[in-house]
Amino acid sequence: MNYYEMLYIVSPKLQEAEREELIKKLNNFVVEKGGEVINENRWGMRTLAYPIKKHTSGYYVLEYIKLPPEELHSLRYFMQINEGFLRAMILKKESVPTPKKVEEKKEVEVVEEKEVKPDGDRSE
């Protein structure tokens, strides 16, 4: 079995229930073919860099899956025949992808403030 990173864009014409059904259908297809969905990260509606099939926005989903290599062609075909998918990119990964933390705490670095005098000199 190989590990894959799959990023796909769902048509904005679909209602939320239809979109959920399409994503569920894709995940069930992966499981039926002997694979497994490791992680799913929904990015939501985003503006496209250029129009695709006359759409200027799309719903982005990033998934990490495990799938037998002989089933990759059928997965690509599944995404082509379903009109709800605008575009998809599937990349092979060498090892199990680890999901990154969605929210990382960012520490703010405090820089020492210096008072600026009206004549432009800085006081120390």
PDB file of N, CA and C in Angstrom:
ATOM      1  N   MET A   1       0.847  -1.185   0.000  1.00  0.00           N
ATOM      2  CA  MET A   1       0.000   0.000   0.000  1.00  0.00           C
ATOM      3  C   MET A   1       0.883   1.235   0.000  1.00  0.00           C
ATOM      4  N   ASN A   2       0.439   2.239  -0.727  1.00  0.00           N
ATOM      5  CA  ASN A   2       1.149   3.503  -0.790  1.00  0.00           C
ATOM      6  C   ASN A   2       0.348   4.585  -0.072  1.00  0.00           C
ATOM      7  N   TYR A   3       1.055   5.616   0.328  1.00  0.00           N
ATOM      8  CA  TYR A   3       0.425   6.765   0.969  1.00  0.00           C
ATOM      9  C   TYR A   3       0.369   7.900  -0.050  1.00  0.00           C
ATOM     10  N   TYR A   4      -0.768   8.615  -0.049  1.00  0.00           N
ATOM     11  CA  TYR A   4      -0.968   9.689  -1.007  1.00  0.00           C
ATOM     12  C   TYR A   4      -1.509  10.932  -0.307  1.00  0.00           C
ATOM     13  N   GLU A   5      -1.121  12.081  -0.850  1.00  0.00           N
ATOM     14  CA  GLU A   5      -1.692  13.351  -0.447  1.00  0.00           C
ATOM     15  C   GLU A   5      -2.591  13.779  -1.594  1.00  0.00           C
ATOM     16  N   MET A   6      -3.840  14.038  -1.295  1.00  0.00           N
ATOM     17  CA  MET A   6      -4.811  14.344  -2.338  1.00  0.00           C
ATOM     18  C   MET A   6      -5.481  15.682  -2.029  1.00  0.00           C
ATOM     19  N   LEU A   7      -5.314  16.632  -2.920  1.00  0.00           N
ATOM     20  CA  LEU A   7      -5.963  17.932  -2.804  1.00  0.00           C
ATOM     21  C   LEU A   7      -6.952  18.045  -3.953  1.00  0.00           C
ATOM     22  N   TYR A   8      -8.196  18.323  -3.626  1.00  0.00           N
ATOM     23  CA  TYR A   8      -9.190  18.466  -4.687  1.00  0.00           C
ATOM     24  C   TYR A   8     -10.108  19.649  -4.418  1.00  0.00           C
ATOM     25  N   ILE A   9     -10.693  20.143  -5.505  1.00  0.00           N
ATOM     26  CA  ILE A   9     -11.585  21.297  -5.443  1.00  0.00           C
ATOM     27  C   ILE A   9     -12.973  20.849  -5.878  1.00  0.00           C
ATOM     28  N   VAL A  10     -13.951  21.124  -5.031  1.00  0.00           N
ATOM     29  CA  VAL A  10     -15.346  20.764  -5.309  1.00  0.00           C
ATOM     30  C   VAL A  10     -16.056  22.000  -5.860  1.00  0.00           C
ATOM     31  N   SER A  11     -16.940  21.783  -6.797  1.00  0.00           N
ATOM     32  CA  SER A  11     -17.680  22.857  -7.453  1.00  0.00           C
ATOM     33  C   SER A  11     -18.474  23.695  -6.447  1.00  0.00           C
ATOM     34  N   PRO A  12     -18.458  25.020  -6.613  1.00  0.00           N
ATOM     35  CA  PRO A  12     -19.232  25.878  -5.709  1.00  0.00           C
ATOM     36  C   PRO A  12     -20.737  25.832  -5.992  1.00  0.00           C
ATOM     37  N   LYS A  13     -21.134  25.237  -7.113  1.00  0.00           N
ATOM     38  CA  LYS A  13     -22.554  25.122  -7.440  1.00  0.00           C
ATOM     39  C   LYS A  13     -23.282  24.158  -6.500  1.00  0.00           C
ATOM     40  N   LEU A  14     -22.559  23.230  -5.909  1.00  0.00           N
ATOM     41  CA  LEU A  14     -23.189  22.236  -5.042  1.00  0.00           C
ATOM     42  C   LEU A  14     -23.604  22.850  -3.711  1.00  0.00           C
ATOM     43  N   GLN A  15     -24.779  22.445  -3.263  1.00  0.00           N
ATOM     44  CA  GLN A  15     -25.231  22.853  -1.935  1.00  0.00           C
ATOM     45  C   GLN A  15     -24.399  22.114  -0.885  1.00  0.00           C
ATOM     46  N   GLU A  16     -24.467  22.566   0.355  1.00  0.00           N
ATOM     47  CA  GLU A  16     -23.646  21.958   1.413  1.00  0.00           C
ATOM     48  C   GLU A  16     -23.935  20.465   1.568  1.00  0.00           C
ATOM     49  N   ALA A  17     -25.192  20.073   1.516  1.00  0.00           N
ATOM     50  CA  ALA A  17     -25.545  18.657   1.663  1.00  0.00           C
ATOM     51  C   ALA A  17     -25.005  17.835   0.491  1.00  0.00           C
ATOM     52  N   GLU A  18     -25.085  18.381  -0.720  1.00  0.00           N
ATOM     53  CA  GLU A  18     -24.565  17.685  -1.901  1.00  0.00           C
ATOM     54  C   GLU A  18     -23.046  17.549  -1.825  1.00  0.00           C
ATOM     55  N   ARG A  19     -22.390  18.608  -1.343  1.00  0.00           N
ATOM     56  CA  ARG A  19     -20.941  18.582  -1.211  1.00  0.00           C
ATOM     57  C   ARG A  19     -20.511  17.534  -0.181  1.00  0.00           C
ATOM     58  N   GLU A  20     -21.217  17.483   0.947  1.00  0.00           N
ATOM     59  CA  GLU A  20     -20.914  16.490   1.984  1.00  0.00           C
ATOM     60  C   GLU A  20     -21.098  15.069   1.440  1.00  0.00           C
ATOM     61  N   GLU A  21     -22.155  14.879   0.656  1.00  0.00           N
ATOM     62  CA  GLU A  21     -22.432  13.573   0.058  1.00  0.00           C
ATOM     63  C   GLU A  21     -21.333  13.170  -0.923  1.00  0.00           C
ATOM     64  N   LEU A  22     -20.846  14.121  -1.715  1.00  0.00           N
ATOM     65  CA  LEU A  22     -19.788  13.846  -2.681  1.00  0.00           C
ATOM     66  C   LEU A  22     -18.479  13.461  -1.976  1.00  0.00           C
ATOM     67  N   ILE A  23     -18.130  14.180  -0.917  1.00  0.00           N
ATOM     68  CA  ILE A  23     -16.913  13.872  -0.166  1.00  0.00           C
ATOM     69  C   ILE A  23     -17.039  12.507   0.508  1.00  0.00           C
ATOM     70  N   LYS A  24     -18.217  12.231   1.059  1.00  0.00           N
ATOM     71  CA  LYS A  24     -18.464  10.931   1.690  1.00  0.00           C
ATOM     72  C   LYS A  24     -18.377   9.801   0.661  1.00  0.00           C
ATOM     73  N   LYS A  25     -18.900  10.060  -0.525  1.00  0.00           N
ATOM     74  CA  LYS A  25     -18.873   9.077  -1.619  1.00  0.00           C
ATOM     75  C   LYS A  25     -17.427   8.769  -2.026  1.00  0.00           C
ATOM     76  N   LEU A  26     -16.593   9.802  -2.096  1.00  0.00           N
ATOM     77  CA  LEU A  26     -15.185   9.614  -2.432  1.00  0.00           C
ATOM     78  C   LEU A  26     -14.469   8.813  -1.351  1.00  0.00           C
ATOM     79  N   ASN A  27     -14.714   9.152  -0.095  1.00  0.00           N
ATOM     80  CA  ASN A  27     -14.071   8.417   1.004  1.00  0.00           C
ATOM     81  C   ASN A  27     -14.519   6.957   1.044  1.00  0.00           C
ATOM     82  N   ASN A  28     -15.796   6.700   0.768  1.00  0.00           N
ATOM     83  CA  ASN A  28     -16.291   5.327   0.706  1.00  0.00           C
ATOM     84  C   ASN A  28     -15.650   4.565  -0.455  1.00  0.00           C
ATOM     85  N   PHE A  29     -15.428   5.251  -1.574  1.00  0.00           N
ATOM     86  CA  PHE A  29     -14.773   4.630  -2.729  1.00  0.00           C
ATOM     87  C   PHE A  29     -13.360   4.179  -2.361  1.00  0.00           C
ATOM     88  N   VAL A  30     -12.631   5.039  -1.638  1.00  0.00           N
ATOM     89  CA  VAL A  30     -11.269   4.699  -1.208  1.00  0.00           C
ATOM     90  C   VAL A  30     -11.292   3.458  -0.314  1.00  0.00           C
ATOM     91  N   VAL A  31     -12.239   3.390   0.615  1.00  0.00           N
ATOM     92  CA  VAL A  31     -12.346   2.245   1.521  1.00  0.00           C
ATOM     93  C   VAL A  31     -12.736   0.977   0.765  1.00  0.00           C
ATOM     94  N   GLU A  32     -13.652   1.089  -0.199  1.00  0.00           N
ATOM     95  CA  GLU A  32     -14.072  -0.063  -1.007  1.00  0.00           C
ATOM     96  C   GLU A  32     -12.924  -0.648  -1.814  1.00  0.00           C
ATOM     97  N   LYS A  33     -11.992   0.200  -2.216  1.00  0.00           N
ATOM     98  CA  LYS A  33     -10.847  -0.257  -3.009  1.00  0.00           C
ATOM     99  C   LYS A  33      -9.709  -0.770  -2.128  1.00  0.00           C
ATOM    100  N   GLY A  34      -9.964  -0.942  -0.847  1.00  0.00           N
ATOM    101  CA  GLY A  34      -8.965  -1.494   0.059  1.00  0.00           C
ATOM    102  C   GLY A  34      -8.071  -0.458   0.702  1.00  0.00           C
ATOM    103  N   GLY A  35      -8.463   0.802   0.609  1.00  0.00           N
ATOM    104  CA  GLY A  35      -7.658   1.879   1.164  1.00  0.00           C
ATOM    105  C   GLY A  35      -8.191   2.373   2.494  1.00  0.00           C
ATOM    106  N   GLU A  36      -7.624   3.498   2.912  1.00  0.00           N
ATOM    107  CA  GLU A  36      -8.003   4.077   4.194  1.00  0.00           C
ATOM    108  C   GLU A  36      -7.775   5.586   4.124  1.00  0.00           C
ATOM    109  N   VAL A  37      -8.720   6.345   4.681  1.00  0.00           N
ATOM    110  CA  VAL A  37      -8.552   7.794   4.784  1.00  0.00           C
ATOM    111  C   VAL A  37      -7.881   8.065   6.120  1.00  0.00           C
ATOM    112  N   ILE A  38      -6.659   8.592   6.073  1.00  0.00           N
ATOM    113  CA  ILE A  38      -5.884   8.831   7.289  1.00  0.00           C
ATOM    114  C   ILE A  38      -6.265  10.156   7.931  1.00  0.00           C
ATOM    115  N   ASN A  39      -6.352  11.192   7.113  1.00  0.00           N
ATOM    116  CA  ASN A  39      -6.653  12.521   7.641  1.00  0.00           C
ATOM    117  C   ASN A  39      -7.395  13.321   6.578  1.00  0.00           C
ATOM    118  N   GLU A  40      -8.336  14.131   7.019  1.00  0.00           N
ATOM    119  CA  GLU A  40      -9.090  14.991   6.121  1.00  0.00           C
ATOM    120  C   GLU A  40      -9.070  16.402   6.682  1.00  0.00           C
ATOM    121  N   ASN A  41      -8.713  17.363   5.841  1.00  0.00           N
ATOM    122  CA  ASN A  41      -8.641  18.752   6.265  1.00  0.00           C
ATOM    123  C   ASN A  41      -9.409  19.594   5.253  1.00  0.00           C
ATOM    124  N   ARG A  42     -10.515  20.157   5.688  1.00  0.00           N
ATOM    125  CA  ARG A  42     -11.353  20.954   4.781  1.00  0.00           C
ATOM    126  C   ARG A  42     -10.964  22.419   4.906  1.00  0.00           C
ATOM    127  N   TRP A  43     -10.523  22.985   3.799  1.00  0.00           N
ATOM    128  CA  TRP A  43     -10.084  24.376   3.786  1.00  0.00           C
ATOM    129  C   TRP A  43     -11.240  25.336   3.542  1.00  0.00           C
ATOM    130  N   GLY A  44     -12.326  24.849   2.985  1.00  0.00           N
ATOM    131  CA  GLY A  44     -13.479  25.698   2.736  1.00  0.00           C
ATOM    132  C   GLY A  44     -13.430  26.384   1.376  1.00  0.00           C
ATOM    133  N   MET A  45     -14.318  27.364   1.205  1.00  0.00           N
ATOM    134  CA  MET A  45     -14.408  28.096  -0.060  1.00  0.00           C
ATOM    135  C   MET A  45     -13.226  29.043  -0.207  1.00  0.00           C
ATOM    136  N   ARG A  46     -12.600  28.976  -1.369  1.00  0.00           N
ATOM    137  CA  ARG A  46     -11.464  29.836  -1.691  1.00  0.00           C
ATOM    138  C   ARG A  46     -11.636  30.359  -3.107  1.00  0.00           C
ATOM    139  N   THR A  47     -11.038  31.507  -3.365  1.00  0.00           N
ATOM    140  CA  THR A  47     -11.029  32.069  -4.712  1.00  0.00           C
ATOM    141  C   THR A  47      -9.953  31.364  -5.527  1.00  0.00           C
ATOM    142  N   LEU A  48     -10.283  30.984  -6.740  1.00  0.00           N
ATOM    143  CA  LEU A  48      -9.334  30.310  -7.613  1.00  0.00           C
ATOM    144  C   LEU A  48      -8.392  31.323  -8.251  1.00  0.00           C
ATOM    145  N   ALA A  49      -7.186  30.891  -8.560  1.00  0.00           N
ATOM    146  CA  ALA A  49      -6.216  31.767  -9.206  1.00  0.00           C
ATOM    147  C   ALA A  49      -6.653  32.104 -10.635  1.00  0.00           C
ATOM    148  N   TYR A  50      -7.353  31.184 -11.256  1.00  0.00           N
ATOM    149  CA  TYR A  50      -7.867  31.390 -12.611  1.00  0.00           C
ATOM    150  C   TYR A  50      -9.166  30.597 -12.737  1.00  0.00           C
ATOM    151  N   PRO A  51     -10.061  30.988 -13.630  1.00  0.00           N
ATOM    152  CA  PRO A  51     -11.336  30.271 -13.753  1.00  0.00           C
ATOM    153  C   PRO A  51     -11.140  28.817 -14.216  1.00  0.00           C
ATOM    154  N   ILE A  52     -11.901  27.927 -13.596  1.00  0.00           N
ATOM    155  CA  ILE A  52     -11.926  26.523 -13.985  1.00  0.00           C
ATOM    156  C   ILE A  52     -13.378  26.175 -14.273  1.00  0.00           C
ATOM    157  N   LYS A  53     -13.646  25.753 -15.483  1.00  0.00           N
ATOM    158  CA  LYS A  53     -15.010  25.424 -15.916  1.00  0.00           C
ATOM    159  C   LYS A  53     -15.981  26.568 -15.605  1.00  0.00           C
ATOM    160  N   LYS A  54     -15.529  27.787 -15.855  1.00  0.00           N
ATOM    161  CA  LYS A  54     -16.307  29.015 -15.661  1.00  0.00           C
ATOM    162  C   LYS A  54     -16.624  29.321 -14.194  1.00  0.00           C
ATOM    163  N   HIS A  55     -15.870  28.742 -13.256  1.00  0.00           N
ATOM    164  CA  HIS A  55     -16.032  29.026 -11.826  1.00  0.00           C
ATOM    165  C   HIS A  55     -14.837  29.831 -11.347  1.00  0.00           C
ATOM    166  N   THR A  56     -15.086  30.786 -10.468  1.00  0.00           N
ATOM    167  CA  THR A  56     -13.999  31.598  -9.916  1.00  0.00           C
ATOM    168  C   THR A  56     -13.705  31.259  -8.464  1.00  0.00           C
ATOM    169  N   SER A  57     -14.461  30.339  -7.876  1.00  0.00           N
ATOM    170  CA  SER A  57     -14.209  29.886  -6.508  1.00  0.00           C
ATOM    171  C   SER A  57     -14.490  28.393  -6.427  1.00  0.00           C
ATOM    172  N   GLY A  58     -14.025  27.783  -5.353  1.00  0.00           N
ATOM    173  CA  GLY A  58     -14.236  26.353  -5.164  1.00  0.00           C
ATOM    174  C   GLY A  58     -14.002  25.963  -3.718  1.00  0.00           C
ATOM    175  N   TYR A  59     -14.488  24.805  -3.340  1.00  0.00           N
ATOM    176  CA  TYR A  59     -14.349  24.290  -1.977  1.00  0.00           C
ATOM    177  C   TYR A  59     -13.162  23.330  -1.954  1.00  0.00           C
ATOM    178  N   TYR A  60     -12.122  23.682  -1.197  1.00  0.00           N
ATOM    179  CA  TYR A  60     -10.880  22.904  -1.163  1.00  0.00           C
ATOM    180  C   TYR A  60     -10.902  21.864  -0.044  1.00  0.00           C
ATOM    181  N   VAL A  61     -10.406  20.661  -0.360  1.00  0.00           N
ATOM    182  CA  VAL A  61     -10.277  19.588   0.627  1.00  0.00           C
ATOM    183  C   VAL A  61      -8.914  18.937   0.438  1.00  0.00           C
ATOM    184  N   LEU A  62      -8.186  18.769   1.542  1.00  0.00           N
ATOM    185  CA  LEU A  62      -6.887  18.090   1.540  1.00  0.00           C
ATOM    186  C   LEU A  62      -7.038  16.806   2.332  1.00  0.00           C
ATOM    187  N   GLU A  63      -6.689  15.676   1.703  1.00  0.00           N
ATOM    188  CA  GLU A  63      -6.795  14.378   2.381  1.00  0.00           C
ATOM    189  C   GLU A  63      -5.492  13.617   2.245  1.00  0.00           C
ATOM    190  N   TYR A  64      -5.190  12.852   3.282  1.00  0.00           N
ATOM    191  CA  TYR A  64      -4.090  11.897   3.240  1.00  0.00           C
ATOM    192  C   TYR A  64      -4.728  10.516   3.260  1.00  0.00           C
ATOM    193  N   ILE A  65      -4.379   9.709   2.256  1.00  0.00           N
ATOM    194  CA  ILE A  65      -5.006   8.392   2.131  1.00  0.00           C
ATOM    195  C   ILE A  65      -3.943   7.309   1.965  1.00  0.00           C
ATOM    196  N   LYS A  66      -4.367   6.096   2.222  1.00  0.00           N
ATOM    197  CA  LYS A  66      -3.548   4.901   2.013  1.00  0.00           C
ATOM    198  C   LYS A  66      -4.320   4.077   0.998  1.00  0.00           C
ATOM    199  N   LEU A  67      -3.652   3.689  -0.103  1.00  0.00           N
ATOM    200  CA  LEU A  67      -4.363   3.021  -1.193  1.00  0.00           C
ATOM    201  C   LEU A  67      -3.415   2.083  -1.931  1.00  0.00           C
ATOM    202  N   PRO A  68      -3.913   0.910  -2.355  1.00  0.00           N
ATOM    203  CA  PRO A  68      -3.069   0.041  -3.179  1.00  0.00           C
ATOM    204  C   PRO A  68      -2.723   0.758  -4.493  1.00  0.00           C
ATOM    205  N   PRO A  69      -1.480   0.635  -4.965  1.00  0.00           N
ATOM    206  CA  PRO A  69      -1.071   1.377  -6.166  1.00  0.00           C
ATOM    207  C   PRO A  69      -1.879   1.035  -7.412  1.00  0.00           C
ATOM    208  N   GLU A  70      -2.387  -0.184  -7.512  1.00  0.00           N
ATOM    209  CA  GLU A  70      -3.161  -0.566  -8.706  1.00  0.00           C
ATOM    210  C   GLU A  70      -4.540   0.111  -8.739  1.00  0.00           C
ATOM    211  N   GLU A  71      -4.971   0.688  -7.618  1.00  0.00           N
ATOM    212  CA  GLU A  71      -6.285   1.353  -7.556  1.00  0.00           C
ATOM    213  C   GLU A  71      -6.208   2.855  -7.802  1.00  0.00           C
ATOM    214  N   LEU A  72      -5.010   3.386  -7.973  1.00  0.00           N
ATOM    215  CA  LEU A  72      -4.855   4.823  -8.180  1.00  0.00           C
ATOM    216  C   LEU A  72      -5.547   5.284  -9.468  1.00  0.00           C
ATOM    217  N   HIS A  73      -5.423   4.493 -10.534  1.00  0.00           N
ATOM    218  CA  HIS A  73      -6.062   4.840 -11.799  1.00  0.00           C
ATOM    219  C   HIS A  73      -7.584   4.907 -11.639  1.00  0.00           C
ATOM    220  N   SER A  74      -8.170   3.962 -10.916  1.00  0.00           N
ATOM    221  CA  SER A  74      -9.624   3.968 -10.730  1.00  0.00           C
ATOM    222  C   SER A  74     -10.066   5.159  -9.874  1.00  0.00           C
ATOM    223  N   LEU A  75      -9.226   5.585  -8.938  1.00  0.00           N
ATOM    224  CA  LEU A  75      -9.542   6.769  -8.133  1.00  0.00           C
ATOM    225  C   LEU A  75      -9.554   8.024  -9.009  1.00  0.00           C
ATOM    226  N   ARG A  76      -8.552   8.156  -9.858  1.00  0.00           N
ATOM    227  CA  ARG A  76      -8.507   9.302 -10.774  1.00  0.00           C
ATOM    228  C   ARG A  76      -9.722   9.292 -11.717  1.00  0.00           C
ATOM    229  N   TYR A  77     -10.095   8.119 -12.206  1.00  0.00           N
ATOM    230  CA  TYR A  77     -11.243   7.992 -13.095  1.00  0.00           C
ATOM    231  C   TYR A  77     -12.530   8.368 -12.361  1.00  0.00           C
ATOM    232  N   PHE A  78     -12.659   7.930 -11.105  1.00  0.00           N
ATOM    233  CA  PHE A  78     -13.829   8.253 -10.285  1.00  0.00           C
ATOM    234  C   PHE A  78     -13.997   9.772 -10.166  1.00  0.00           C
ATOM    235  N   MET A  79     -12.878  10.465  -9.977  1.00  0.00           N
ATOM    236  CA  MET A  79     -12.952  11.916  -9.814  1.00  0.00           C
ATOM    237  C   MET A  79     -13.239  12.618 -11.151  1.00  0.00           C
ATOM    238  N   GLN A  80     -12.849  12.022 -12.257  1.00  0.00           N
ATOM    239  CA  GLN A  80     -13.116  12.609 -13.566  1.00  0.00           C
ATOM    240  C   GLN A  80     -14.583  12.488 -13.971  1.00  0.00           C
ATOM    241  N   ILE A  81     -15.201  11.350 -13.662  1.00  0.00           N
ATOM    242  CA  ILE A  81     -16.576  11.141 -14.113  1.00  0.00           C
ATOM    243  C   ILE A  81     -17.607  11.837 -13.224  1.00  0.00           C
ATOM    244  N   ASN A  82     -17.234  12.186 -11.999  1.00  0.00           N
ATOM    245  CA  ASN A  82     -18.142  12.924 -11.124  1.00  0.00           C
ATOM    246  C   ASN A  82     -17.982  14.419 -11.392  1.00  0.00           C
ATOM    247  N   GLU A  83     -19.042  15.057 -11.825  1.00  0.00           N
ATOM    248  CA  GLU A  83     -18.987  16.447 -12.236  1.00  0.00           C
ATOM    249  C   GLU A  83     -18.779  17.419 -11.087  1.00  0.00           C
ATOM    250  N   GLY A  84     -18.914  16.970  -9.865  1.00  0.00           N
ATOM    251  CA  GLY A  84     -18.756  17.847  -8.709  1.00  0.00           C
ATOM    252  C   GLY A  84     -17.319  18.262  -8.447  1.00  0.00           C
ATOM    253  N   PHE A  85     -16.362  17.521  -8.995  1.00  0.00           N
ATOM    254  CA  PHE A  85     -14.952  17.843  -8.793  1.00  0.00           C
ATOM    255  C   PHE A  85     -14.466  18.740  -9.922  1.00  0.00           C
ATOM    256  N   LEU A  86     -13.880  19.889  -9.554  1.00  0.00           N
ATOM    257  CA  LEU A  86     -13.325  20.783 -10.578  1.00  0.00           C
ATOM    258  C   LEU A  86     -11.911  20.372 -10.953  1.00  0.00           C
ATOM    259  N   ARG A  87     -11.103  20.060  -9.953  1.00  0.00           N
ATOM    260  CA  ARG A  87      -9.694  19.740 -10.178  1.00  0.00           C
ATOM    261  C   ARG A  87      -9.216  18.868  -9.030  1.00  0.00           C
ATOM    262  N   ALA A  88      -8.216  18.027  -9.290  1.00  0.00           N
ATOM    263  CA  ALA A  88      -7.642  17.187  -8.243  1.00  0.00           C
ATOM    264  C   ALA A  88      -6.155  16.989  -8.507  1.00  0.00           C
ATOM    265  N   MET A  89      -5.409  16.878  -7.430  1.00  0.00           N
ATOM    266  CA  MET A  89      -3.980  16.598  -7.519  1.00  0.00           C
ATOM    267  C   MET A  89      -3.668  15.527  -6.480  1.00  0.00           C
ATOM    268  N   ILE A  90      -3.029  14.446  -6.932  1.00  0.00           N
ATOM    269  CA  ILE A  90      -2.687  13.342  -6.042  1.00  0.00           C
ATOM    270  C   ILE A  90      -1.177  13.140  -6.093  1.00  0.00           C
ATOM    271  N   LEU A  91      -0.542  13.209  -4.930  1.00  0.00           N
ATOM    272  CA  LEU A  91       0.905  13.045  -4.824  1.00  0.00           C
ATOM    273  C   LEU A  91       1.233  11.835  -3.968  1.00  0.00           C
ATOM    274  N   LYS A  92       2.198  11.038  -4.404  1.00  0.00           N
ATOM    275  CA  LYS A  92       2.630   9.879  -3.626  1.00  0.00           C
ATOM    276  C   LYS A  92       3.576  10.347  -2.526  1.00  0.00           C
ATOM    277  N   LYS A  93       3.390   9.814  -1.326  1.00  0.00           N
ATOM    278  CA  LYS A  93       4.242  10.117  -0.188  1.00  0.00           C
ATOM    279  C   LYS A  93       5.030   8.864   0.181  1.00  0.00           C
ATOM    280  N   GLU A  94       6.241   9.055   0.667  1.00  0.00           N
ATOM    281  CA  GLU A  94       7.103   7.923   1.017  1.00  0.00           C
ATOM    282  C   GLU A  94       6.739   7.294   2.359  1.00  0.00           C
ATOM    283  N   SER A  95       6.218   8.076   3.279  1.00  0.00           N
ATOM    284  CA  SER A  95       5.886   7.544   4.598  1.00  0.00           C
ATOM    285  C   SER A  95       4.525   8.060   5.035  1.00  0.00           C
ATOM    286  N   VAL A  96       4.098   7.586   6.190  1.00  0.00           N
ATOM    287  CA  VAL A  96       2.807   8.004   6.716  1.00  0.00           C
ATOM    288  C   VAL A  96       2.857   9.499   7.003  1.00  0.00           C
ATOM    289  N   PRO A  97       1.979  10.269   6.393  1.00  0.00           N
ATOM    290  CA  PRO A  97       1.977  11.703   6.668  1.00  0.00           C
ATOM    291  C   PRO A  97       1.451  11.978   8.068  1.00  0.00           C
ATOM    292  N   THR A  98       2.099  12.883   8.767  1.00  0.00           N
ATOM    293  CA  THR A  98       1.641  13.255  10.101  1.00  0.00           C
ATOM    294  C   THR A  98       0.847  14.539  10.009  1.00  0.00           C
ATOM    295  N   PRO A  99      -0.356  14.548  10.563  1.00  0.00           N
ATOM    296  CA  PRO A  99      -1.158  15.768  10.500  1.00  0.00           C
ATOM    297  C   PRO A  99      -0.530  16.866  11.349  1.00  0.00           C
ATOM    298  N   LYS A 100      -0.456  18.054  10.780  1.00  0.00           N
ATOM    299  CA  LYS A 100       0.104  19.188  11.495  1.00  0.00           C
ATOM    300  C   LYS A 100      -0.971  19.805  12.374  1.00  0.00           C
ATOM    301  N   LYS A 101      -0.537  20.466  13.423  1.00  0.00           N
ATOM    302  CA  LYS A 101      -1.484  21.138  14.301  1.00  0.00           C
ATOM    303  C   LYS A 101      -2.162  22.258  13.528  1.00  0.00           C
ATOM    304  N   VAL A 102      -3.464  22.325  13.663  1.00  0.00           N
ATOM    305  CA  VAL A 102      -4.220  23.341  12.952  1.00  0.00           C
ATOM    306  C   VAL A 102      -3.947  24.717  13.564  1.00  0.00           C
ATOM    307  N   GLU A 103      -3.944  24.758  14.873  1.00  0.00           N
ATOM    308  CA  GLU A 103      -3.712  26.031  15.540  1.00  0.00           C
ATOM    309  C   GLU A 103      -2.387  25.967  16.270  1.00  0.00           C
ATOM    310  N   GLU A 104      -1.462  26.781  15.845  1.00  0.00           N
ATOM    311  CA  GLU A 104      -0.182  26.864  16.523  1.00  0.00           C
ATOM    312  C   GLU A 104      -0.118  28.213  17.207  1.00  0.00           C
ATOM    313  N   LYS A 105       0.319  28.201  18.451  1.00  0.00           N
ATOM    314  CA  LYS A 105       0.431  29.450  19.185  1.00  0.00           C
ATOM    315  C   LYS A 105       1.640  30.213  18.681  1.00  0.00           C
ATOM    316  N   LYS A 106       1.418  31.450  18.357  1.00  0.00           N
ATOM    317  CA  LYS A 106       2.495  32.299  17.882  1.00  0.00           C
ATOM    318  C   LYS A 106       2.888  33.241  19.012  1.00  0.00           C
ATOM    319  N   GLU A 107       4.157  33.220  19.338  1.00  0.00           N
ATOM    320  CA  GLU A 107       4.651  34.120  20.368  1.00  0.00           C
ATOM    321  C   GLU A 107       5.047  35.433  19.719  1.00  0.00           C
ATOM    322  N   VAL A 108       4.648  36.497  20.339  1.00  0.00           N
ATOM    323  CA  VAL A 108       4.968  37.822  19.833  1.00  0.00           C
ATOM    324  C   VAL A 108       6.253  38.282  20.510  1.00  0.00           C
ATOM    325  N   GLU A 109       7.213  38.662  19.709  1.00  0.00           N
ATOM    326  CA  GLU A 109       8.482  39.137  20.236  1.00  0.00           C
ATOM    327  C   GLU A 109       8.345  40.622  20.543  1.00  0.00           C
ATOM    328  N   VAL A 110       8.639  40.978  21.781  1.00  0.00           N
ATOM    329  CA  VAL A 110       8.544  42.369  22.180  1.00  0.00           C
ATOM    330  C   VAL A 110       9.899  43.024  21.946  1.00  0.00           C
ATOM    331  N   VAL A 111       9.877  44.057  21.156  1.00  0.00           N
ATOM    332  CA  VAL A 111      11.091  44.798  20.855  1.00  0.00           C
ATOM    333  C   VAL A 111      11.130  46.022  21.765  1.00  0.00           C
ATOM    334  N   GLU A 112      12.305  46.333  22.295  1.00  0.00           N
ATOM    335  CA  GLU A 112      12.444  47.471  23.183  1.00  0.00           C
ATOM    336  C   GLU A 112      12.093  48.743  22.424  1.00  0.00           C
ATOM    337  N   GLU A 113      11.172  49.493  22.993  1.00  0.00           N
ATOM    338  CA  GLU A 113      10.745  50.729  22.347  1.00  0.00           C
ATOM    339  C   GLU A 113      11.602  51.881  22.835  1.00  0.00           C
ATOM    340  N   LYS A 114      11.945  52.759  21.928  1.00  0.00           N
ATOM    341  CA  LYS A 114      12.717  53.955  22.265  1.00  0.00           C
ATOM    342  C   LYS A 114      11.899  55.175  21.898  1.00  0.00           C
ATOM    343  N   GLU A 115      11.963  56.166  22.747  1.00  0.00           N
ATOM    344  CA  GLU A 115      11.208  57.386  22.521  1.00  0.00           C
ATOM    345  C   GLU A 115      11.895  58.227  21.455  1.00  0.00           C
ATOM    346  N   VAL A 116      11.126  58.735  20.512  1.00  0.00           N
ATOM    347  CA  VAL A 116      11.663  59.584  19.458  1.00  0.00           C
ATOM    348  C   VAL A 116      11.320  61.034  19.787  1.00  0.00           C
ATOM    349  N   LYS A 117      12.375  61.895  19.862  1.00  0.00           N
ATOM    350  CA  LYS A 117      12.170  63.321  20.143  1.00  0.00           C
ATOM    351  C   LYS A 117      11.750  64.018  18.851  1.00  0.00           C
ATOM    352  N   PRO A 118      11.069  65.140  18.979  1.00  0.00           N
ATOM    353  CA  PRO A 118      10.587  65.843  17.796  1.00  0.00           C
ATOM    354  C   PRO A 118      11.695  66.221  16.802  1.00  0.00           C
ATOM    355  N   ASP A 119      12.921  66.422  17.252  1.00  0.00           N
ATOM    356  CA  ASP A 119      13.977  66.796  16.326  1.00  0.00           C
ATOM    357  C   ASP A 119      14.596  65.590  15.633  1.00  0.00           C
ATOM    358  N   GLY A 120      14.083  64.397  15.920  1.00  0.00           N
ATOM    359  CA  GLY A 120      14.561  63.189  15.248  1.00  0.00           C
ATOM    360  C   GLY A 120      15.588  62.399  16.022  1.00  0.00           C
ATOM    361  N   ASP A 121      16.104  62.940  17.142  1.00  0.00           N
ATOM    362  CA  ASP A 121      17.071  62.203  17.957  1.00  0.00           C
ATOM    363  C   ASP A 121      16.356  61.173  18.807  1.00  0.00           C
ATOM    364  N   ARG A 122      17.014  60.067  19.025  1.00  0.00           N
ATOM    365  CA  ARG A 122      16.448  59.022  19.876  1.00  0.00           C
ATOM    366  C   ARG A 122      17.059  59.118  21.257  1.00  0.00           C
ATOM    367  N   SER A 123      16.220  58.986  22.269  1.00  0.00           N
ATOM    368  CA  SER A 123      16.745  58.988  23.636  1.00  0.00           C
ATOM    369  C   SER A 123      16.975  57.555  24.052  1.00  0.00           C
ATOM    370  N   GLU A 124      18.010  57.347  24.797  1.00  0.00           N
ATOM    371  CA  GLU A 124      18.376  55.991  25.204  1.00  0.00           C
ATOM    372  C   GLU A 124      18.003  55.751  26.634  1.00  0.00           C
TER     373      GLU A 124
END
